[in-house]
């Protein structure tokens, strides 16, 4: 932790991860469960309107590719959660959101959520949404492992 710059730098990385995750997920049609006061530890997402997600199928797809997502256990609404802390960096946020775009494309969910069935277009939209967040990162925040 101290090699990274101590608690302020690590806290800044978690907050950056959270903002980047939310921006990229919004580009895929997801909304956060909490519209305000979203903490940087774990983020709960609602499924995009007009789509039918199978959490177990999505979980297995993501897990087989090296990442973990969590079911939304705290609400009666259909949600799932992604963590922002620990050894998670911006490239991890980018990879997991790209996997979600790929999953949505392969399952025919992308068009209903984004208006296009193109996975490359979805990734480009996520990249465009995330670039200003990464560019504004404080100098003391480590972006990659």
C-alpha atoms as a PDB file:
ATOM      1  CA  UNK A   1       0.000   0.000   0.000  1.00  0.00           C
ATOM      2  CA  UNK A   2       2.793   2.456   0.856  1.00  0.00           C
ATOM      3  CA  UNK A   3       4.573   1.757  -2.440  1.00  0.00           C
ATOM      4  CA  UNK A   4       1.382   2.897  -4.154  1.00  0.00           C
ATOM      5  CA  UNK A   5       1.337   6.179  -2.237  1.00  0.00           C
ATOM      6  CA  UNK A   6      -0.487   5.213   0.931  1.00  0.00           C
ATOM      7  CA  UNK A   7      -4.148   5.358   1.830  1.00  0.00           C
ATOM      8  CA  UNK A   8      -4.956   8.555  -0.151  1.00  0.00           C
ATOM      9  CA  UNK A   9      -3.597   7.080  -3.410  1.00  0.00           C
ATOM     10  CA  UNK A  10      -5.332   3.756  -2.892  1.00  0.00           C
ATOM     11  CA  UNK A  11      -8.610   5.472  -2.033  1.00  0.00           C
ATOM     12  CA  UNK A  12      -8.201   7.595  -5.152  1.00  0.00           C
ATOM     13  CA  UNK A  13      -7.694   4.460  -7.273  1.00  0.00           C
ATOM     14  CA  UNK A  14     -10.845   2.897  -5.859  1.00  0.00           C
ATOM     15  CA  UNK A  15     -12.840   6.053  -6.599  1.00  0.00           C
ATOM     16  CA  UNK A  16     -11.379   6.214 -10.120  1.00  0.00           C
ATOM     17  CA  UNK A  17     -12.231   2.538 -10.705  1.00  0.00           C
ATOM     18  CA  UNK A  18     -15.785   3.254  -9.591  1.00  0.00           C
ATOM     19  CA  UNK A  19     -16.224   6.283 -11.874  1.00  0.00           C
ATOM     20  CA  UNK A  20     -14.681   4.438 -14.832  1.00  0.00           C
ATOM     21  CA  UNK A  21     -16.836   1.363 -14.243  1.00  0.00           C
ATOM     22  CA  UNK A  22     -20.035   3.423 -14.046  1.00  0.00           C
ATOM     23  CA  UNK A  23     -19.195   5.386 -17.223  1.00  0.00           C
ATOM     24  CA  UNK A  24     -18.378   2.267 -19.214  1.00  0.00           C
ATOM     25  CA  UNK A  25     -21.421   0.380 -17.938  1.00  0.00           C
ATOM     26  CA  UNK A  26     -23.674   3.345 -18.760  1.00  0.00           C
ATOM     27  CA  UNK A  27     -22.404   3.139 -22.350  1.00  0.00           C
ATOM     28  CA  UNK A  28     -23.656  -0.481 -22.345  1.00  0.00           C
ATOM     29  CA  UNK A  29     -27.088   0.561 -21.110  1.00  0.00           C
ATOM     30  CA  UNK A  30     -26.670  -0.247 -17.394  1.00  0.00           C
ATOM     31  CA  UNK A  31     -27.699   2.070 -14.566  1.00  0.00           C
ATOM     32  CA  UNK A  32     -26.478   1.988 -11.002  1.00  0.00           C
ATOM     33  CA  UNK A  33     -28.961   0.939  -8.353  1.00  0.00           C
ATOM     34  CA  UNK A  34     -28.046   4.004  -6.317  1.00  0.00           C
ATOM     35  CA  UNK A  35     -28.404   7.160  -8.368  1.00  0.00           C
ATOM     36  CA  UNK A  36     -26.471   9.184  -5.779  1.00  0.00           C
ATOM     37  CA  UNK A  37     -24.066   8.506  -2.925  1.00  0.00           C
ATOM     38  CA  UNK A  38     -22.398   5.571  -4.660  1.00  0.00           C
ATOM     39  CA  UNK A  39     -19.431   4.387  -2.605  1.00  0.00           C
ATOM     40  CA  UNK A  40     -16.223   3.206  -4.297  1.00  0.00           C
ATOM     41  CA  UNK A  41     -16.074  -0.324  -2.842  1.00  0.00           C
ATOM     42  CA  UNK A  42     -18.723  -2.243  -4.777  1.00  0.00           C
ATOM     43  CA  UNK A  43     -21.187  -1.018  -7.392  1.00  0.00           C
ATOM     44  CA  UNK A  44     -24.665  -2.467  -7.878  1.00  0.00           C
ATOM     45  CA  UNK A  45     -26.126  -2.333 -11.372  1.00  0.00           C
ATOM     46  CA  UNK A  46     -29.635  -2.762 -12.707  1.00  0.00           C
ATOM     47  CA  UNK A  47     -29.992  -4.739 -15.913  1.00  0.00           C
ATOM     48  CA  UNK A  48     -30.699  -2.595 -18.981  1.00  0.00           C
ATOM     49  CA  UNK A  49     -34.386  -2.030 -19.646  1.00  0.00           C
ATOM     50  CA  UNK A  50     -35.850  -4.255 -22.341  1.00  0.00           C
ATOM     51  CA  UNK A  51     -33.316  -7.060 -21.818  1.00  0.00           C
ATOM     52  CA  UNK A  52     -33.588 -10.488 -20.244  1.00  0.00           C
ATOM     53  CA  UNK A  53     -30.434 -11.463 -18.394  1.00  0.00           C
ATOM     54  CA  UNK A  54     -29.694 -14.860 -16.922  1.00  0.00           C
ATOM     55  CA  UNK A  55     -27.338 -14.051 -14.041  1.00  0.00           C
ATOM     56  CA  UNK A  56     -25.953 -17.590 -13.772  1.00  0.00           C
ATOM     57  CA  UNK A  57     -25.158 -17.680 -17.503  1.00  0.00           C
ATOM     58  CA  UNK A  58     -23.529 -14.235 -17.351  1.00  0.00           C
ATOM     59  CA  UNK A  59     -21.600 -15.203 -14.208  1.00  0.00           C
ATOM     60  CA  UNK A  60     -20.212 -18.352 -15.849  1.00  0.00           C
ATOM     61  CA  UNK A  61     -19.275 -16.465 -19.024  1.00  0.00           C
ATOM     62  CA  UNK A  62     -17.343 -13.853 -17.029  1.00  0.00           C
ATOM     63  CA  UNK A  63     -15.815 -16.388 -14.610  1.00  0.00           C
ATOM     64  CA  UNK A  64     -14.526 -18.602 -17.450  1.00  0.00           C
ATOM     65  CA  UNK A  65     -12.583 -15.561 -18.661  1.00  0.00           C
ATOM     66  CA  UNK A  66     -10.948 -14.796 -15.315  1.00  0.00           C
ATOM     67  CA  UNK A  67     -13.244 -12.280 -13.617  1.00  0.00           C
ATOM     68  CA  UNK A  68     -15.889 -12.412 -10.903  1.00  0.00           C
ATOM     69  CA  UNK A  69     -19.227 -10.690 -10.595  1.00  0.00           C
ATOM     70  CA  UNK A  70     -21.658 -11.012  -7.722  1.00  0.00           C
ATOM     71  CA  UNK A  71     -25.425 -11.398  -7.554  1.00  0.00           C
ATOM     72  CA  UNK A  72     -27.405  -8.480  -6.203  1.00  0.00           C
ATOM     73  CA  UNK A  73     -28.585  -9.934  -2.914  1.00  0.00           C
ATOM     74  CA  UNK A  74     -29.654  -6.761  -1.167  1.00  0.00           C
ATOM     75  CA  UNK A  75     -32.662  -5.767  -3.257  1.00  0.00           C
ATOM     76  CA  UNK A  76     -35.827  -7.188  -4.716  1.00  0.00           C
ATOM     77  CA  UNK A  77     -34.871  -5.740  -8.105  1.00  0.00           C
ATOM     78  CA  UNK A  78     -32.806  -7.626 -10.668  1.00  0.00           C
ATOM     79  CA  UNK A  79     -29.249  -6.481  -9.983  1.00  0.00           C
ATOM     80  CA  UNK A  80     -25.657  -7.656  -9.904  1.00  0.00           C
ATOM     81  CA  UNK A  81     -22.525  -6.200  -8.357  1.00  0.00           C
ATOM     82  CA  UNK A  82     -18.944  -5.487  -9.387  1.00  0.00           C
ATOM     83  CA  UNK A  83     -16.114  -4.747  -6.981  1.00  0.00           C
ATOM     84  CA  UNK A  84     -13.793  -1.763  -7.373  1.00  0.00           C
ATOM     85  CA  UNK A  85     -11.185  -2.427  -4.671  1.00  0.00           C
ATOM     86  CA  UNK A  86      -8.154  -4.607  -4.094  1.00  0.00           C
ATOM     87  CA  UNK A  87      -5.756  -5.344  -6.919  1.00  0.00           C
ATOM     88  CA  UNK A  88      -8.127  -3.918  -9.517  1.00  0.00           C
ATOM     89  CA  UNK A  89      -6.870  -1.305 -11.952  1.00  0.00           C
ATOM     90  CA  UNK A  90      -8.293   0.535 -14.949  1.00  0.00           C
ATOM     91  CA  UNK A  91      -7.252  -2.243 -17.349  1.00  0.00           C
ATOM     92  CA  UNK A  92      -9.286  -4.710 -15.259  1.00  0.00           C
ATOM     93  CA  UNK A  93     -12.329  -2.425 -15.439  1.00  0.00           C
ATOM     94  CA  UNK A  94     -11.871  -2.190 -19.204  1.00  0.00           C
ATOM     95  CA  UNK A  95     -11.485  -5.957 -19.617  1.00  0.00           C
ATOM     96  CA  UNK A  96     -14.513  -6.922 -17.536  1.00  0.00           C
ATOM     97  CA  UNK A  97     -16.727  -4.381 -19.288  1.00  0.00           C
ATOM     98  CA  UNK A  98     -15.493  -5.616 -22.671  1.00  0.00           C
ATOM     99  CA  UNK A  99     -16.436  -9.141 -21.571  1.00  0.00           C
ATOM    100  CA  UNK A 100     -19.907  -7.883 -20.683  1.00  0.00           C
ATOM    101  CA  UNK A 101     -20.213  -6.323 -24.150  1.00  0.00           C
ATOM    102  CA  UNK A 102     -19.102  -9.600 -25.724  1.00  0.00           C
ATOM    103  CA  UNK A 103     -21.563 -11.559 -23.576  1.00  0.00           C
ATOM    104  CA  UNK A 104     -24.379  -9.204 -24.525  1.00  0.00           C
ATOM    105  CA  UNK A 105     -23.464  -9.456 -28.203  1.00  0.00           C
ATOM    106  CA  UNK A 106     -23.328 -13.249 -28.163  1.00  0.00           C
ATOM    107  CA  UNK A 107     -26.668 -13.484 -26.323  1.00  0.00           C
ATOM    108  CA  UNK A 108     -28.485 -10.969 -28.528  1.00  0.00           C
ATOM    109  CA  UNK A 109     -28.852  -8.429 -25.712  1.00  0.00           C
ATOM    110  CA  UNK A 110     -26.643  -5.646 -27.010  1.00  0.00           C
ATOM    111  CA  UNK A 111     -29.057  -4.075 -29.484  1.00  0.00           C
ATOM    112  CA  UNK A 112     -31.855  -3.688 -26.920  1.00  0.00           C
ATOM    113  CA  UNK A 113     -29.448  -2.070 -24.452  1.00  0.00           C
ATOM    114  CA  UNK A 114     -27.411   0.168 -26.770  1.00  0.00           C
ATOM    115  CA  UNK A 115     -29.320   0.442 -30.048  1.00  0.00           C
ATOM    116  CA  UNK A 116     -26.631  -1.462 -31.948  1.00  0.00           C
ATOM    117  CA  UNK A 117     -25.619  -5.103 -32.117  1.00  0.00           C
ATOM    118  CA  UNK A 118     -21.972  -4.229 -32.833  1.00  0.00           C
ATOM    119  CA  UNK A 119     -19.568  -5.296 -30.083  1.00  0.00           C
ATOM    120  CA  UNK A 120     -16.717  -3.148 -31.511  1.00  0.00           C
ATOM    121  CA  UNK A 121     -19.044  -0.113 -31.520  1.00  0.00           C
ATOM    122  CA  UNK A 122     -20.031  -0.829 -27.902  1.00  0.00           C
ATOM    123  CA  UNK A 123     -16.370  -1.077 -26.882  1.00  0.00           C
ATOM    124  CA  UNK A 124     -15.572   2.157 -28.727  1.00  0.00           C
ATOM    125  CA  UNK A 125     -18.448   3.886 -26.908  1.00  0.00           C
ATOM    126  CA  UNK A 126     -17.155   2.584 -23.568  1.00  0.00           C
ATOM    127  CA  UNK A 127     -13.631   3.756 -24.389  1.00  0.00           C
ATOM    128  CA  UNK A 128     -14.946   7.215 -25.294  1.00  0.00           C
ATOM    129  CA  UNK A 129     -16.931   7.377 -22.043  1.00  0.00           C
ATOM    130  CA  UNK A 130     -13.915   6.337 -19.976  1.00  0.00           C
ATOM    131  CA  UNK A 131     -11.129   8.414 -21.519  1.00  0.00           C
ATOM    132  CA  UNK A 132     -12.007  11.712 -19.791  1.00  0.00           C
ATOM    133  CA  UNK A 133     -12.111   9.922 -16.433  1.00  0.00           C
ATOM    134  CA  UNK A 134      -8.685   8.357 -16.931  1.00  0.00           C
ATOM    135  CA  UNK A 135      -7.267  11.634 -18.270  1.00  0.00           C
ATOM    136  CA  UNK A 136      -8.446  13.471 -15.141  1.00  0.00           C
ATOM    137  CA  UNK A 137      -6.897  10.941 -12.755  1.00  0.00           C
ATOM    138  CA  UNK A 138      -4.781  12.557 -10.037  1.00  0.00           C
ATOM    139  CA  UNK A 139      -1.047  12.120 -10.507  1.00  0.00           C
ATOM    140  CA  UNK A 140      -0.766  10.025  -7.342  1.00  0.00           C
ATOM    141  CA  UNK A 141      -3.288   7.411  -8.568  1.00  0.00           C
ATOM    142  CA  UNK A 142      -1.787   4.286 -10.113  1.00  0.00           C
ATOM    143  CA  UNK A 143      -3.790   3.318 -13.222  1.00  0.00           C
ATOM    144  CA  UNK A 144      -2.180  -0.048 -14.028  1.00  0.00           C
ATOM    145  CA  UNK A 145      -0.698  -2.864 -11.964  1.00  0.00           C
END
